[in-house]
C-alpha cells in the first residue's frame, strides 16, 4: 500500500456540503421528463442508424441529424439532470461537483479511423442551456502535448472522470478516454480538463512520466489494435493504473502497431501537485472461477506497490 496523501493534496474528494450547495441551485423540471424521454427514444434510433450505415455519407448524415436533435433536447429546461442512460454508444459523464457534464462519442469511417464528437454542458441556476461544443481537431494537431480549447479538441470518448483538488484551489478534472486510431493501432488517453475565465481548457503540465523530467500536459498510449489495454482509477490507493506497453521485439521500438502489454502494470499517483509515474505495480484480484481463462487479472481490485520501485 502506498502512504496516505498529504492533507493538502486530495484526489477524488469533493466536500459534501459544497456539493449540496451547488446541487440546490440547479432547476429540476420533472414536467419535462416525458419530453426528454421521447427525445431519447428518437436519439437512440438515430444513434443505431449511424453505426449501421453502410458508408461515410450516410453515416455522417445520420450523425448530423443526431447532433441537431440532441441540441434540441438539451434546450429543454432541466435537461442537465436527465441522464440519457439509454444511449449506450454515447458517454455522459457528470462532474462530482455537479458543475458540468461532458458528452462524447465517436463515428467509425470507411477508411478505418474515427471521428469524435462531443459537448460540455454547464449547469445553470435556472436550468437554461449553456454548451461548449467540442470540435475534433486530431488531424491538425501537430503536437499531441499541446494545450487546447474546445475548438481544437484532441477527440476521445471519455469513460471516467476524476476531480483533483490541490491546496484548496479550483479543481481540475482528469478524463480517461478511448481513442481509436486507425487500422493498425488504438489509443487511450489521460486528459486534463480545467476552466479558465469560464472557458474549458484541455491539457495541464502535471504529468511526470520520468522522474525530474519536463512535465507533460496529457498522456497518450498507443498499442496494437488487436490487443486490449487497462486504464482505470483504483480508489483504494488513489492511483491511475494501466498496462505497461512494450514492443513484441526490441527492434520495433517506436512502431506502436507492435506494442502490447507485457503483463505488468504502472500507475500515476498524485505527489505535491503532479502525477508521478510508479512502475511495476502488481495487481491482484480476488479468487474467481474465470481465473483459468485469463493470463493476468482483468481488473484492478487490489494494488500492491513493489517496494523495489
Protein backbone atom coordinates (compact mmCIF):
# COMPACT_ATOMS: atom_id res chain seq x y z
CA UNK A 1 0.00 0.00 0.00
CA UNK A 2 1.24 3.48 -0.67
CA UNK A 3 1.39 6.10 2.02
CA UNK A 4 -1.62 8.34 2.56
CA UNK A 5 -1.52 11.60 0.67
CA UNK A 6 -0.86 14.85 2.45
CA UNK A 7 -3.99 16.54 3.71
CA UNK A 8 -3.20 19.41 1.37
CA UNK A 9 -3.30 17.21 -1.72
CA UNK A 10 -6.58 15.46 -2.29
CA UNK A 11 -7.85 13.42 -5.21
CA UNK A 12 -11.44 12.38 -5.63
CA UNK A 13 -12.60 14.44 -2.67
CA UNK A 14 -15.39 16.97 -3.01
CA UNK A 15 -16.62 18.42 0.25
CA UNK A 16 -20.14 17.15 0.88
CA UNK A 17 -21.66 20.43 1.91
CA UNK A 18 -20.22 22.19 -1.15
CA UNK A 19 -21.79 19.62 -3.47
CA UNK A 20 -25.13 20.01 -1.75
CA UNK A 21 -24.98 23.77 -2.10
CA UNK A 22 -24.26 23.55 -5.81
CA UNK A 23 -26.98 21.00 -6.48
CA UNK A 24 -29.58 23.13 -4.76
CA UNK A 25 -29.05 25.91 -7.30
CA UNK A 26 -29.98 23.85 -10.34
CA UNK A 27 -33.52 23.52 -11.62
CA UNK A 28 -35.03 20.04 -11.87
CA UNK A 29 -38.06 20.25 -14.13
CA UNK A 30 -39.93 17.00 -13.67
CA UNK A 31 -42.69 18.16 -16.04
CA UNK A 32 -40.23 17.96 -18.92
CA UNK A 33 -39.10 14.39 -18.18
CA UNK A 34 -41.61 12.89 -20.62
CA UNK A 35 -40.40 15.23 -23.37
CA UNK A 36 -36.79 14.27 -22.74
CA UNK A 37 -37.70 10.58 -22.71
CA UNK A 38 -39.34 10.97 -26.12
CA UNK A 39 -36.23 12.72 -27.45
CA UNK A 40 -34.07 9.96 -26.01
CA UNK A 41 -36.07 7.35 -27.96
CA UNK A 42 -35.51 9.30 -31.19
CA UNK A 43 -31.83 9.79 -30.41
CA UNK A 44 -31.42 6.07 -29.74
CA UNK A 45 -32.82 5.26 -33.17
CA UNK A 46 -30.54 7.80 -34.86
CA UNK A 47 -27.52 6.55 -32.94
CA UNK A 48 -28.08 2.97 -34.06
CA UNK A 49 -28.75 4.05 -37.64
CA UNK A 50 -25.49 6.00 -37.61
CA UNK A 51 -23.45 2.97 -36.58
CA UNK A 52 -25.17 0.60 -39.02
CA UNK A 53 -24.91 2.96 -42.01
CA UNK A 54 -23.11 1.43 -44.99
CA UNK A 55 -20.88 4.35 -45.98
CA UNK A 56 -19.43 7.62 -44.76
CA UNK A 57 -22.03 9.81 -46.46
CA UNK A 58 -24.96 8.05 -44.82
CA UNK A 59 -23.11 7.79 -41.52
CA UNK A 60 -22.32 11.50 -41.28
CA UNK A 61 -25.80 12.49 -42.43
CA UNK A 62 -27.33 10.42 -39.64
CA UNK A 63 -24.83 11.82 -37.14
CA UNK A 64 -25.66 15.40 -38.19
CA UNK A 65 -29.32 14.65 -37.54
CA UNK A 66 -28.37 13.17 -34.17
CA UNK A 67 -26.42 16.30 -33.20
CA UNK A 68 -29.29 18.58 -34.18
CA UNK A 69 -31.83 16.58 -32.19
CA UNK A 70 -29.51 16.29 -29.19
CA UNK A 71 -29.07 20.07 -29.03
CA UNK A 72 -32.85 20.50 -29.27
CA UNK A 73 -33.31 18.06 -26.40
CA UNK A 74 -30.68 19.83 -24.28
CA UNK A 75 -32.56 23.11 -24.75
CA UNK A 76 -35.41 21.73 -22.65
CA UNK A 77 -35.29 23.32 -19.22
CA UNK A 78 -33.72 21.00 -16.68
CA UNK A 79 -32.08 18.72 -19.26
CA UNK A 80 -28.84 18.82 -17.25
CA UNK A 81 -30.42 16.43 -14.77
CA UNK A 82 -31.61 13.94 -17.40
CA UNK A 83 -29.12 11.08 -17.80
CA UNK A 84 -29.85 9.84 -21.34
CA UNK A 85 -28.82 6.45 -19.99
CA UNK A 86 -30.41 4.51 -22.86
CA UNK A 87 -27.84 5.92 -25.30
CA UNK A 88 -25.22 3.23 -24.77
CA UNK A 89 -22.96 4.42 -27.60
CA UNK A 90 -22.79 7.89 -26.05
CA UNK A 91 -20.73 8.65 -22.93
CA UNK A 92 -22.30 11.11 -20.48
CA UNK A 93 -20.02 11.96 -17.53
CA UNK A 94 -21.13 14.44 -14.87
CA UNK A 95 -18.58 16.12 -12.64
CA UNK A 96 -18.93 15.11 -8.97
CA UNK A 97 -19.42 18.78 -8.00
CA UNK A 98 -22.40 18.91 -10.40
CA UNK A 99 -20.98 21.94 -12.23
CA UNK A 100 -20.89 20.41 -15.74
CA UNK A 101 -21.14 17.23 -17.72
CA UNK A 102 -19.23 16.13 -20.80
CA UNK A 103 -20.91 14.15 -23.58
CA UNK A 104 -18.70 12.33 -26.08
CA UNK A 105 -18.95 9.71 -28.81
CA UNK A 106 -17.18 8.55 -31.97
CA UNK A 107 -18.07 7.63 -35.53
CA UNK A 108 -16.08 4.95 -37.42
CA UNK A 109 -15.17 5.76 -41.03
CA UNK A 110 -14.76 3.70 -44.18
CA UNK A 111 -11.01 4.37 -44.01
CA UNK A 112 -10.69 2.54 -40.70
CA UNK A 113 -10.21 5.57 -38.46
CA UNK A 114 -12.59 7.56 -36.26
CA UNK A 115 -14.09 11.00 -35.80
CA UNK A 116 -15.03 12.28 -32.38
CA UNK A 117 -17.93 14.44 -31.30
CA UNK A 118 -19.00 15.95 -28.04
CA UNK A 119 -20.06 18.89 -25.95
CA UNK A 120 -19.69 20.24 -22.44
CA UNK A 121 -22.99 21.18 -20.84
CA UNK A 122 -22.70 23.59 -17.93
CA UNK A 123 -25.11 23.58 -15.01
CA UNK A 124 -27.03 26.85 -14.76
CA UNK A 125 -29.08 28.23 -11.85
CA UNK A 126 -32.29 28.41 -13.88
CA UNK A 127 -31.82 25.22 -15.91
CA UNK A 128 -31.20 27.09 -19.19
CA UNK A 129 -28.74 25.76 -21.78
CA UNK A 130 -25.04 26.61 -21.85
CA UNK A 131 -22.90 24.47 -24.14
CA UNK A 132 -19.29 24.32 -25.29
CA UNK A 133 -19.34 22.18 -28.48
CA UNK A 134 -16.20 20.06 -28.90
CA UNK A 135 -14.56 20.21 -32.34
CA UNK A 136 -12.27 17.26 -33.06
CA UNK A 137 -9.02 18.68 -34.44
CA UNK A 138 -6.94 15.50 -34.14
CA UNK A 139 -5.79 15.54 -37.76
CA UNK A 140 -4.47 19.10 -37.50
CA UNK A 141 -2.75 18.88 -34.12
CA UNK A 142 0.96 18.51 -34.79
CA UNK A 143 1.83 18.35 -31.09
CA UNK A 144 -0.26 15.85 -29.10
CA UNK A 145 1.05 17.52 -25.93
CA UNK A 146 -0.38 20.95 -26.79
CA UNK A 147 -2.84 22.69 -24.50
CA UNK A 148 -6.09 23.04 -26.46
CA UNK A 149 -9.58 24.50 -26.21
CA UNK A 150 -13.00 23.12 -27.08
CA UNK A 151 -12.43 24.50 -30.60
CA UNK A 152 -9.34 22.34 -31.33
CA UNK A 153 -10.03 19.32 -29.15
CA UNK A 154 -7.96 16.12 -29.23
CA UNK A 155 -11.04 13.95 -29.61
CA UNK A 156 -11.77 10.90 -27.45
CA UNK A 157 -14.71 9.05 -25.93
CA UNK A 158 -14.28 9.52 -22.20
CA UNK A 159 -15.40 6.82 -19.78
CA UNK A 160 -14.13 8.04 -16.39
CA UNK A 161 -13.87 11.45 -14.70
CA UNK A 162 -11.71 12.17 -11.63
CA UNK A 163 -11.73 15.52 -9.80
CA UNK A 164 -8.47 16.78 -8.31
CA UNK A 165 -8.12 19.48 -5.65
CA UNK A 166 -4.67 20.77 -4.74
CA UNK A 167 -4.22 23.09 -1.77
CA UNK A 168 -7.86 24.13 -1.87
CA UNK A 169 -7.56 25.68 -5.34
CA UNK A 170 -10.25 25.42 -8.02
CA UNK A 171 -10.44 21.75 -9.03
CA UNK A 172 -9.40 20.34 -12.35
CA UNK A 173 -10.58 17.04 -13.77
CA UNK A 174 -8.79 14.00 -15.15
CA UNK A 175 -10.58 12.30 -18.03
CA UNK A 176 -9.76 8.72 -19.04
CA UNK A 177 -10.71 8.05 -22.63
CA UNK A 178 -10.69 5.64 -25.53
CA UNK A 179 -9.27 6.99 -28.79
CA UNK A 180 -9.47 4.51 -31.61
CA UNK A 181 -6.85 5.48 -34.13
CA UNK A 182 -6.59 3.60 -37.42
CA UNK A 183 -6.48 0.11 -38.90
CA UNK A 184 -3.25 -0.73 -37.04
CA UNK A 185 -3.37 0.91 -33.60
CA UNK A 186 -5.69 2.04 -30.83
CA UNK A 187 -5.01 4.81 -28.34
CA UNK A 188 -6.10 5.60 -24.82
CA UNK A 189 -5.66 8.96 -23.16
CA UNK A 190 -5.39 10.65 -19.78
CA UNK A 191 -6.67 14.15 -20.42
CA UNK A 192 -6.92 17.14 -18.08
CA UNK A 193 -9.93 19.47 -18.18
CA UNK A 194 -9.95 22.77 -16.33
CA UNK A 195 -11.84 26.05 -16.68
CA UNK A 196 -10.18 29.42 -17.09
CA UNK A 197 -12.35 32.54 -17.17
CA UNK A 198 -15.32 30.26 -17.63
CA UNK A 199 -13.88 28.56 -20.74
CA UNK A 200 -12.81 24.88 -20.93
CA UNK A 201 -9.10 24.15 -21.33
CA UNK A 202 -7.69 20.71 -22.20
CA UNK A 203 -4.20 19.81 -21.01
CA UNK A 204 -2.18 20.80 -17.95
CA UNK A 205 1.51 20.27 -17.16
CA UNK A 206 1.09 17.87 -14.25
CA UNK A 207 2.37 14.52 -15.62
CA UNK A 208 5.87 13.36 -14.74
CA UNK A 209 6.46 10.17 -16.79
CA UNK A 210 10.15 10.15 -15.82
CA UNK A 211 11.49 11.47 -12.50
CA UNK A 212 12.83 15.04 -12.75
CA UNK A 213 11.87 15.21 -16.45
CA UNK A 214 9.82 18.03 -18.04
CA UNK A 215 6.14 17.74 -17.16
CA UNK A 216 3.62 16.76 -19.83
CA UNK A 217 0.13 18.15 -20.41
CA UNK A 218 -1.51 14.78 -21.08
CA UNK A 219 -0.63 11.13 -21.58
CA UNK A 220 -1.46 9.21 -24.77
CA UNK A 221 -0.95 5.45 -25.01
CA UNK A 222 -0.81 3.66 -28.38
CA UNK A 223 -0.81 -0.08 -29.00
CA UNK A 224 -1.73 -2.84 -31.46
CA UNK A 225 -5.41 -2.70 -32.37
CA UNK A 226 -5.92 -6.43 -31.77
CA UNK A 227 -4.92 -6.06 -28.12
CA UNK A 228 -6.66 -4.61 -25.06
CA UNK A 229 -5.30 -2.17 -22.51
CA UNK A 230 -6.36 -1.49 -18.92
CA UNK A 231 -6.55 2.19 -17.95
CA UNK A 232 -8.59 2.90 -14.84
CA UNK A 233 -8.58 4.55 -11.42
CA UNK A 234 -8.18 2.41 -8.31
CA UNK A 235 -9.64 4.38 -5.42
CA UNK A 236 -8.22 2.01 -2.80
CA UNK A 237 -4.79 3.53 -3.38
CA UNK A 238 -5.68 6.77 -5.21
CA UNK A 239 -3.80 5.81 -8.35
CA UNK A 240 -4.49 5.62 -12.05
CA UNK A 241 -3.28 2.15 -13.06
CA UNK A 242 -2.56 0.89 -16.57
CA UNK A 243 -0.86 -1.84 -18.60
CA UNK A 244 2.84 -1.39 -19.28
CA UNK A 245 3.14 -1.39 -23.06
CA UNK A 246 6.21 -2.70 -24.86
CA UNK A 247 7.01 -3.79 -28.44
CA UNK A 248 6.96 -7.50 -29.27
CA UNK A 249 10.58 -7.15 -30.32
CA UNK A 250 13.11 -4.54 -29.08
CA UNK A 251 13.82 -3.70 -32.72
CA UNK A 252 10.24 -2.40 -33.02
CA UNK A 253 10.62 0.46 -30.52
CA UNK A 254 8.50 3.41 -31.67
CA UNK A 255 6.41 1.29 -34.05
CA UNK A 256 3.22 1.18 -31.99
CA UNK A 257 1.42 -1.38 -34.13
CA UNK A 258 3.80 -3.87 -32.47
CA UNK A 259 3.07 -2.73 -28.87
CA UNK A 260 1.09 -4.71 -26.31
CA UNK A 261 1.02 -5.30 -22.58
CA UNK A 262 3.89 -7.29 -21.08
CA UNK A 263 1.53 -8.33 -18.23
CA UNK A 264 3.00 -5.79 -15.83
CA UNK A 265 1.32 -2.59 -14.65
CA UNK A 266 2.32 1.00 -13.97
CA UNK A 267 0.46 3.84 -12.32
CA UNK A 268 0.27 7.58 -11.75
CA UNK A 269 -0.03 8.88 -8.22
CA UNK A 270 -0.54 12.46 -7.11
CA UNK A 271 2.54 13.82 -5.33
CA UNK A 272 2.85 17.51 -4.49
CA UNK A 273 0.53 18.61 -7.25
CA UNK A 274 1.90 16.45 -10.04
CA UNK A 275 1.12 12.94 -11.24
CA UNK A 276 4.32 10.90 -10.92
CA UNK A 277 4.88 7.55 -12.57
CA UNK A 278 5.14 4.47 -10.33
CA UNK A 279 6.45 1.44 -12.21
CA UNK A 280 5.99 -2.29 -11.81
CA UNK A 281 2.73 -2.33 -9.87
CA UNK A 282 1.39 -5.80 -9.14
CA UNK A 283 -2.36 -6.30 -9.50
CA UNK A 284 -4.22 -8.96 -7.58
CA UNK A 285 -7.84 -9.99 -7.89
CA UNK A 286 -9.96 -11.96 -5.52
CA UNK A 287 -10.20 -15.62 -6.48
CA UNK A 288 -12.56 -16.12 -9.41
CA UNK A 289 -13.93 -19.05 -11.38
CA UNK A 290 -12.69 -17.25 -14.51
CA UNK A 291 -9.05 -17.09 -13.39
CA UNK A 292 -8.04 -20.00 -15.62
CA UNK A 293 -9.40 -18.21 -18.68
CA UNK A 294 -7.01 -15.28 -18.38
CA UNK A 295 -3.26 -14.95 -18.31
CA UNK A 296 -3.48 -11.99 -15.92
CA UNK A 297 -6.14 -10.19 -13.85
CA UNK A 298 -8.76 -8.42 -15.92
CA UNK A 299 -9.42 -5.60 -13.46
CA UNK A 300 -7.59 -3.87 -10.64
CA UNK A 301 -9.27 -4.74 -7.38
CA UNK A 302 -6.14 -4.74 -5.23
CA UNK A 303 -2.95 -2.84 -5.95
CA UNK A 304 0.32 -3.62 -4.22
CA UNK A 305 3.34 -1.45 -4.87
CA UNK A 306 6.60 -3.29 -5.44
CA UNK A 307 8.85 -1.76 -2.78
CA UNK A 308 11.86 -2.07 -5.08
CA UNK A 309 10.49 0.64 -7.38
